Amino acid sequence: MKINIKNSAVAAVFFFGIAFFHSCKKEKDATVPEISFKEGTGYVSGNISATRSTIYTFGIIADKTDHDLRKLVISVSYDGKQFEEMENHMMLENEKNHYESDFKAQTRNENGSERWKFEVSDKDGNTAKEEINLSVQ
């Protein structure tokens, strides 16, 4: 009986390849923190047409997933320009699992657009964000 070395080598590489890929563990995808808006009377929780020079309230709710919450950053972009940081809150010890807060903002006294961005990150750097667009008239 004659053994074909070329075919044996190909078969060995094939089976070792299958064994290698089968034994590799898939890393768990990083889970980002959860962020949402409070809803109801007095809160802005979605895109709206807004009035100039009016104070609006955004209610923020954030919850940890795999890792403790680290910080909340609130930024605004006027008329599509670069975001400006409005608030940067480092979580206190009692806020690392769950955070709730109201943020009040006054629209400019001119027509245009305001894009509000709310980003919460955890201690591993995973970040979740939500945005609200105000069309100011």
N, C-alpha and C. Protein backbone atom coordinates (compact mmCIF):
# COMPACT_ATOMS: atom_id res chain seq x y z
N MET A 1 0.85 -1.18 0.00
CA MET A 1 0.00 0.00 0.00
C MET A 1 0.89 1.23 0.00
N LYS A 2 0.59 2.15 -0.88
CA LYS A 2 1.37 3.36 -1.05
C LYS A 2 0.64 4.53 -0.40
N ILE A 3 1.35 5.31 0.48
CA ILE A 3 0.73 6.46 1.16
C ILE A 3 1.16 7.72 0.43
N ASN A 4 0.20 8.50 0.07
CA ASN A 4 0.48 9.77 -0.60
C ASN A 4 0.75 10.82 0.48
N ILE A 5 2.00 11.23 0.62
CA ILE A 5 2.41 12.16 1.68
C ILE A 5 1.76 13.53 1.47
N LYS A 6 1.64 13.94 0.24
CA LYS A 6 1.05 15.25 -0.03
C LYS A 6 -0.39 15.31 0.48
N ASN A 7 -1.18 14.29 0.18
CA ASN A 7 -2.57 14.26 0.64
C ASN A 7 -2.65 14.14 2.15
N SER A 8 -1.74 13.38 2.77
CA SER A 8 -1.73 13.22 4.22
C SER A 8 -1.42 14.55 4.90
N ALA A 9 -0.48 15.29 4.35
CA ALA A 9 -0.12 16.59 4.92
C ALA A 9 -1.29 17.56 4.84
N VAL A 10 -1.96 17.57 3.70
CA VAL A 10 -3.12 18.45 3.53
C VAL A 10 -4.21 18.06 4.52
N ALA A 11 -4.46 16.76 4.66
CA ALA A 11 -5.48 16.30 5.60
C ALA A 11 -5.11 16.67 7.03
N ALA A 12 -3.83 16.53 7.40
CA ALA A 12 -3.40 16.88 8.75
C ALA A 12 -3.60 18.36 9.03
N VAL A 13 -3.21 19.20 8.08
CA VAL A 13 -3.39 20.66 8.25
C VAL A 13 -4.88 20.97 8.38
N PHE A 14 -5.69 20.34 7.58
CA PHE A 14 -7.13 20.57 7.62
C PHE A 14 -7.70 20.22 9.00
N PHE A 15 -7.38 19.04 9.52
CA PHE A 15 -7.91 18.61 10.81
C PHE A 15 -7.36 19.43 11.97
N PHE A 16 -6.08 19.81 11.91
CA PHE A 16 -5.52 20.67 12.96
C PHE A 16 -6.17 22.05 12.92
N GLY A 17 -6.45 22.53 11.72
CA GLY A 17 -7.12 23.83 11.57
C GLY A 17 -8.51 23.81 12.19
N ILE A 18 -9.25 22.73 11.91
CA ILE A 18 -10.60 22.61 12.48
C ILE A 18 -10.51 22.54 14.01
N ALA A 19 -9.58 21.74 14.51
CA ALA A 19 -9.43 21.62 15.97
C ALA A 19 -9.05 22.96 16.59
N PHE A 20 -8.16 23.71 15.93
CA PHE A 20 -7.73 25.00 16.46
C PHE A 20 -8.88 25.99 16.51
N PHE A 21 -9.60 26.14 15.42
CA PHE A 21 -10.71 27.10 15.40
C PHE A 21 -11.84 26.69 16.31
N HIS A 22 -12.05 25.40 16.44
CA HIS A 22 -13.12 24.92 17.32
C HIS A 22 -12.76 25.17 18.79
N SER A 23 -11.48 25.08 19.12
CA SER A 23 -11.08 25.26 20.51
C SER A 23 -10.96 26.72 20.92
N CYS A 24 -10.92 27.64 19.96
CA CYS A 24 -10.82 29.06 20.29
C CYS A 24 -12.13 29.52 20.92
N LYS A 25 -12.03 30.15 22.05
CA LYS A 25 -13.21 30.69 22.71
C LYS A 25 -13.50 32.06 22.14
N LYS A 26 -14.74 32.31 21.87
CA LYS A 26 -15.12 33.63 21.42
C LYS A 26 -15.16 34.55 22.63
N GLU A 27 -14.48 35.68 22.53
CA GLU A 27 -14.50 36.65 23.62
C GLU A 27 -15.90 37.23 23.72
N LYS A 28 -16.35 37.44 24.93
CA LYS A 28 -17.65 38.07 25.15
C LYS A 28 -17.58 39.52 24.71
N ASP A 29 -18.56 39.95 23.94
CA ASP A 29 -18.61 41.35 23.51
C ASP A 29 -18.75 42.25 24.73
N ALA A 30 -18.05 43.37 24.69
CA ALA A 30 -18.15 44.34 25.78
C ALA A 30 -19.59 44.86 25.84
N THR A 31 -20.11 44.94 27.03
CA THR A 31 -21.46 45.44 27.22
C THR A 31 -21.38 46.89 27.66
N VAL A 32 -22.03 47.75 26.92
CA VAL A 32 -22.01 49.18 27.24
C VAL A 32 -23.04 49.46 28.33
N PRO A 33 -22.82 50.53 29.09
CA PRO A 33 -23.82 50.90 30.10
C PRO A 33 -25.14 51.24 29.42
N GLU A 34 -26.18 51.29 30.20
CA GLU A 34 -27.49 51.66 29.66
C GLU A 34 -27.78 53.12 29.99
N ILE A 35 -28.33 53.84 29.01
CA ILE A 35 -28.71 55.23 29.23
C ILE A 35 -30.06 55.46 28.58
N SER A 36 -30.90 56.21 29.26
CA SER A 36 -32.22 56.54 28.71
C SER A 36 -32.67 57.88 29.30
N PHE A 37 -33.78 58.36 28.79
CA PHE A 37 -34.33 59.63 29.25
C PHE A 37 -35.59 59.39 30.07
N LYS A 38 -35.76 60.21 31.10
CA LYS A 38 -37.02 60.21 31.83
C LYS A 38 -38.07 60.77 30.88
N GLU A 39 -39.27 60.22 30.99
CA GLU A 39 -40.36 60.68 30.14
C GLU A 39 -41.48 61.24 31.01
N GLY A 40 -42.30 62.04 30.42
CA GLY A 40 -43.45 62.56 31.14
C GLY A 40 -43.46 64.07 31.14
N THR A 41 -44.45 64.61 31.82
CA THR A 41 -44.65 66.05 31.87
C THR A 41 -43.41 66.76 32.41
N GLY A 42 -42.97 67.77 31.67
CA GLY A 42 -41.83 68.57 32.11
C GLY A 42 -40.49 68.10 31.57
N TYR A 43 -40.44 66.91 30.94
CA TYR A 43 -39.17 66.39 30.43
C TYR A 43 -39.14 66.36 28.91
N VAL A 44 -37.99 66.64 28.34
CA VAL A 44 -37.75 66.45 26.91
C VAL A 44 -37.08 65.10 26.77
N SER A 45 -37.70 64.19 26.03
CA SER A 45 -37.14 62.85 25.89
C SER A 45 -36.99 62.43 24.43
N GLY A 46 -37.22 63.38 23.52
CA GLY A 46 -37.08 63.11 22.09
C GLY A 46 -36.93 64.42 21.33
N ASN A 47 -36.73 64.32 20.03
CA ASN A 47 -36.54 65.50 19.20
C ASN A 47 -37.80 66.37 19.22
N ILE A 48 -37.60 67.69 19.34
CA ILE A 48 -38.74 68.60 19.41
C ILE A 48 -38.44 69.90 18.67
N SER A 49 -39.51 70.64 18.36
CA SER A 49 -39.39 72.03 17.95
C SER A 49 -39.45 72.84 19.24
N ALA A 50 -38.44 73.65 19.47
CA ALA A 50 -38.31 74.38 20.73
C ALA A 50 -38.46 75.87 20.51
N THR A 51 -38.78 76.56 21.58
CA THR A 51 -38.93 78.01 21.57
C THR A 51 -37.62 78.66 22.01
N ARG A 52 -37.29 79.80 21.41
CA ARG A 52 -36.06 80.51 21.77
C ARG A 52 -36.10 80.94 23.24
N SER A 53 -34.92 80.95 23.86
CA SER A 53 -34.73 81.41 25.26
C SER A 53 -35.65 80.71 26.25
N THR A 54 -35.88 79.43 26.05
CA THR A 54 -36.75 78.67 26.95
C THR A 54 -35.91 77.60 27.66
N ILE A 55 -36.21 77.40 28.92
CA ILE A 55 -35.50 76.38 29.70
C ILE A 55 -36.24 75.05 29.55
N TYR A 56 -35.48 74.01 29.19
CA TYR A 56 -36.00 72.65 29.05
C TYR A 56 -35.27 71.74 30.04
N THR A 57 -35.94 70.65 30.42
CA THR A 57 -35.36 69.70 31.37
C THR A 57 -35.19 68.35 30.70
N PHE A 58 -33.96 67.84 30.77
CA PHE A 58 -33.64 66.48 30.31
C PHE A 58 -33.43 65.64 31.56
N GLY A 59 -34.14 64.55 31.67
CA GLY A 59 -33.96 63.63 32.79
C GLY A 59 -33.14 62.44 32.33
N ILE A 60 -32.00 62.23 32.97
CA ILE A 60 -31.07 61.18 32.56
C ILE A 60 -31.16 60.00 33.53
N ILE A 61 -31.20 58.79 32.98
CA ILE A 61 -31.15 57.57 33.77
C ILE A 61 -30.04 56.70 33.18
N ALA A 62 -29.11 56.26 34.02
CA ALA A 62 -28.02 55.39 33.57
C ALA A 62 -27.88 54.22 34.53
N ASP A 63 -27.63 53.05 33.96
CA ASP A 63 -27.44 51.85 34.76
C ASP A 63 -26.21 51.10 34.28
N LYS A 64 -25.49 50.53 35.24
CA LYS A 64 -24.32 49.73 34.89
C LYS A 64 -24.77 48.41 34.29
N THR A 65 -23.91 47.83 33.50
CA THR A 65 -24.15 46.48 32.98
C THR A 65 -23.07 45.59 33.61
N ASP A 66 -21.94 45.43 32.93
CA ASP A 66 -20.86 44.58 33.47
C ASP A 66 -19.96 45.32 34.44
N HIS A 67 -19.77 46.61 34.24
CA HIS A 67 -18.79 47.37 35.02
C HIS A 67 -19.44 48.61 35.63
N ASP A 68 -18.87 49.09 36.73
CA ASP A 68 -19.38 50.27 37.41
C ASP A 68 -19.39 51.49 36.49
N LEU A 69 -20.40 52.34 36.68
CA LEU A 69 -20.45 53.60 35.95
C LEU A 69 -19.30 54.49 36.39
N ARG A 70 -18.76 55.28 35.45
CA ARG A 70 -17.63 56.14 35.78
C ARG A 70 -17.97 57.62 35.63
N LYS A 71 -18.55 58.00 34.47
CA LYS A 71 -18.87 59.42 34.30
C LYS A 71 -19.97 59.64 33.28
N LEU A 72 -20.55 60.84 33.37
CA LEU A 72 -21.55 61.31 32.43
C LEU A 72 -21.03 62.60 31.83
N VAL A 73 -21.06 62.69 30.51
CA VAL A 73 -20.66 63.91 29.81
C VAL A 73 -21.85 64.39 28.98
N ILE A 74 -22.19 65.67 29.14
CA ILE A 74 -23.26 66.29 28.37
C ILE A 74 -22.64 67.36 27.50
N SER A 75 -22.94 67.28 26.19
CA SER A 75 -22.38 68.22 25.21
C SER A 75 -23.49 68.74 24.31
N VAL A 76 -23.23 69.89 23.69
CA VAL A 76 -24.18 70.46 22.75
C VAL A 76 -23.45 70.92 21.50
N SER A 77 -24.12 70.77 20.38
CA SER A 77 -23.62 71.27 19.10
C SER A 77 -24.68 72.22 18.55
N TYR A 78 -24.25 73.44 18.25
CA TYR A 78 -25.17 74.43 17.69
C TYR A 78 -25.00 74.49 16.18
N ASP A 79 -26.11 74.36 15.46
CA ASP A 79 -26.14 74.49 14.01
C ASP A 79 -25.12 73.60 13.31
N GLY A 80 -24.92 72.38 13.82
CA GLY A 80 -24.04 71.42 13.17
C GLY A 80 -22.56 71.62 13.41
N LYS A 81 -22.21 72.54 14.29
CA LYS A 81 -20.79 72.79 14.58
C LYS A 81 -20.28 71.78 15.60
N GLN A 82 -19.03 71.93 15.98
CA GLN A 82 -18.38 71.02 16.92
C GLN A 82 -19.09 71.02 18.28
N PHE A 83 -19.09 69.87 18.93
CA PHE A 83 -19.72 69.76 20.25
C PHE A 83 -18.92 70.52 21.29
N GLU A 84 -19.64 71.17 22.19
CA GLU A 84 -19.05 71.86 23.34
C GLU A 84 -19.50 71.11 24.59
N GLU A 85 -18.56 70.82 25.47
CA GLU A 85 -18.91 70.11 26.70
C GLU A 85 -19.59 71.08 27.66
N MET A 86 -20.75 70.67 28.15
CA MET A 86 -21.52 71.50 29.08
C MET A 86 -21.40 71.01 30.52
N GLU A 87 -21.25 69.69 30.67
CA GLU A 87 -21.12 69.12 32.01
C GLU A 87 -20.32 67.83 31.92
N ASN A 88 -19.51 67.60 32.98
CA ASN A 88 -18.71 66.38 33.07
C ASN A 88 -18.81 65.92 34.52
N HIS A 89 -19.60 64.90 34.75
CA HIS A 89 -19.88 64.44 36.12
C HIS A 89 -19.22 63.10 36.37
N MET A 90 -18.29 63.05 37.31
CA MET A 90 -17.69 61.79 37.76
C MET A 90 -18.63 61.17 38.78
N MET A 91 -18.92 59.89 38.61
CA MET A 91 -19.87 59.22 39.50
C MET A 91 -19.32 59.11 40.91
N LEU A 92 -20.19 59.39 41.86
CA LEU A 92 -19.87 59.19 43.27
C LEU A 92 -20.03 57.71 43.59
N GLU A 93 -19.56 57.30 44.72
CA GLU A 93 -19.61 55.88 45.10
C GLU A 93 -21.04 55.33 45.03
N ASN A 94 -22.01 56.11 45.49
CA ASN A 94 -23.40 55.64 45.50
C ASN A 94 -24.08 55.75 44.13
N GLU A 95 -23.37 56.21 43.10
CA GLU A 95 -23.94 56.35 41.75
C GLU A 95 -23.34 55.35 40.75
N LYS A 96 -22.48 54.47 41.20
CA LYS A 96 -21.76 53.59 40.28
C LYS A 96 -22.61 52.46 39.70
N ASN A 97 -23.74 52.16 40.33
CA ASN A 97 -24.65 51.13 39.82
C ASN A 97 -25.82 51.74 39.05
N HIS A 98 -26.30 52.86 39.57
CA HIS A 98 -27.50 53.50 39.01
C HIS A 98 -27.37 55.01 39.22
N TYR A 99 -27.70 55.77 38.18
CA TYR A 99 -27.59 57.22 38.26
C TYR A 99 -28.84 57.84 37.64
N GLU A 100 -29.39 58.82 38.33
CA GLU A 100 -30.52 59.60 37.80
C GLU A 100 -30.29 61.06 38.13
N SER A 101 -30.55 61.91 37.16
CA SER A 101 -30.41 63.34 37.40
C SER A 101 -31.20 64.12 36.35
N ASP A 102 -31.58 65.32 36.73
CA ASP A 102 -32.22 66.24 35.79
C ASP A 102 -31.20 67.29 35.39
N PHE A 103 -31.20 67.64 34.11
CA PHE A 103 -30.30 68.65 33.59
C PHE A 103 -31.15 69.69 32.88
N LYS A 104 -31.02 70.93 33.32
CA LYS A 104 -31.79 72.02 32.71
C LYS A 104 -30.89 72.78 31.74
N ALA A 105 -31.45 73.13 30.59
CA ALA A 105 -30.71 73.88 29.58
C ALA A 105 -31.63 74.90 28.95
N GLN A 106 -31.08 76.06 28.68
CA GLN A 106 -31.84 77.12 28.03
C GLN A 106 -31.41 77.21 26.57
N THR A 107 -32.40 77.25 25.68
CA THR A 107 -32.10 77.40 24.27
C THR A 107 -31.58 78.81 23.99
N ARG A 108 -30.85 78.94 22.91
CA ARG A 108 -30.34 80.26 22.53
C ARG A 108 -31.49 81.17 22.11
N ASN A 109 -31.20 82.44 22.05
CA ASN A 109 -32.20 83.42 21.63
C ASN A 109 -32.09 83.67 20.13
N GLU A 110 -31.96 82.59 19.37
CA GLU A 110 -31.90 82.69 17.91
C GLU A 110 -32.37 81.38 17.30
N ASN A 111 -32.89 81.48 16.09
CA ASN A 111 -33.34 80.29 15.39
C ASN A 111 -32.13 79.43 15.02
N GLY A 112 -32.33 78.14 15.00
CA GLY A 112 -31.26 77.23 14.61
C GLY A 112 -31.49 75.85 15.19
N SER A 113 -30.44 75.04 15.15
CA SER A 113 -30.55 73.69 15.69
C SER A 113 -29.60 73.51 16.86
N GLU A 114 -30.05 72.73 17.82
CA GLU A 114 -29.24 72.36 18.97
C GLU A 114 -29.29 70.84 19.08
N ARG A 115 -28.12 70.23 19.07
CA ARG A 115 -28.02 68.78 19.19
C ARG A 115 -27.37 68.47 20.53
N TRP A 116 -28.13 67.90 21.45
CA TRP A 116 -27.66 67.58 22.80
C TRP A 116 -27.24 66.12 22.85
N LYS A 117 -26.03 65.88 23.33
CA LYS A 117 -25.48 64.52 23.41
C LYS A 117 -25.21 64.18 24.88
N PHE A 118 -25.68 63.01 25.29
CA PHE A 118 -25.52 62.52 26.65
C PHE A 118 -24.76 61.21 26.58
N GLU A 119 -23.55 61.17 27.15
CA GLU A 119 -22.70 59.98 27.09
C GLU A 119 -22.38 59.50 28.49
N VAL A 120 -22.61 58.22 28.74
CA VAL A 120 -22.23 57.62 30.01
C VAL A 120 -21.20 56.54 29.72
N SER A 121 -20.15 56.52 30.54
CA SER A 121 -19.11 55.51 30.35
C SER A 121 -18.88 54.75 31.65
N ASP A 122 -18.35 53.54 31.50
CA ASP A 122 -18.05 52.73 32.68
C ASP A 122 -16.55 52.72 32.93
N LYS A 123 -16.15 52.04 33.98
CA LYS A 123 -14.73 52.06 34.38
C LYS A 123 -13.82 51.40 33.36
N ASP A 124 -14.37 50.59 32.44
CA ASP A 124 -13.56 49.96 31.40
C ASP A 124 -13.55 50.77 30.09
N GLY A 125 -14.20 51.92 30.10
CA GLY A 125 -14.21 52.78 28.92
C GLY A 125 -15.32 52.50 27.93
N ASN A 126 -16.21 51.56 28.23
CA ASN A 126 -17.36 51.32 27.36
C ASN A 126 -18.32 52.50 27.48
N THR A 127 -18.80 53.00 26.35
CA THR A 127 -19.61 54.21 26.35
C THR A 127 -20.92 54.00 25.61
N ALA A 128 -21.98 54.54 26.19
CA ALA A 128 -23.29 54.55 25.54
C ALA A 128 -23.71 56.01 25.42
N LYS A 129 -24.43 56.33 24.34
CA LYS A 129 -24.86 57.72 24.18
C LYS A 129 -26.27 57.78 23.63
N GLU A 130 -26.89 58.89 23.93
CA GLU A 130 -28.21 59.24 23.40
C GLU A 130 -28.14 60.70 22.98
N GLU A 131 -28.90 61.04 21.95
CA GLU A 131 -28.92 62.42 21.47
C GLU A 131 -30.35 62.89 21.31
N ILE A 132 -30.52 64.20 21.51
CA ILE A 132 -31.81 64.85 21.28
C ILE A 132 -31.56 66.09 20.43
N ASN A 133 -32.37 66.26 19.40
CA ASN A 133 -32.26 67.42 18.53
C ASN A 133 -33.40 68.40 18.81
N LEU A 134 -33.03 69.66 19.01
CA LEU A 134 -34.00 70.73 19.19
C LEU A 134 -33.95 71.65 17.98
N SER A 135 -35.09 71.86 17.36
CA SER A 135 -35.19 72.81 16.26
C SER A 135 -35.74 74.10 16.87
N VAL A 136 -34.87 75.07 17.08
CA VAL A 136 -35.24 76.29 17.82
C VAL A 136 -35.81 77.32 16.85
N GLN A 137 -37.01 77.83 17.21
CA GLN A 137 -37.71 78.81 16.36
C GLN A 137 -38.24 79.95 17.18
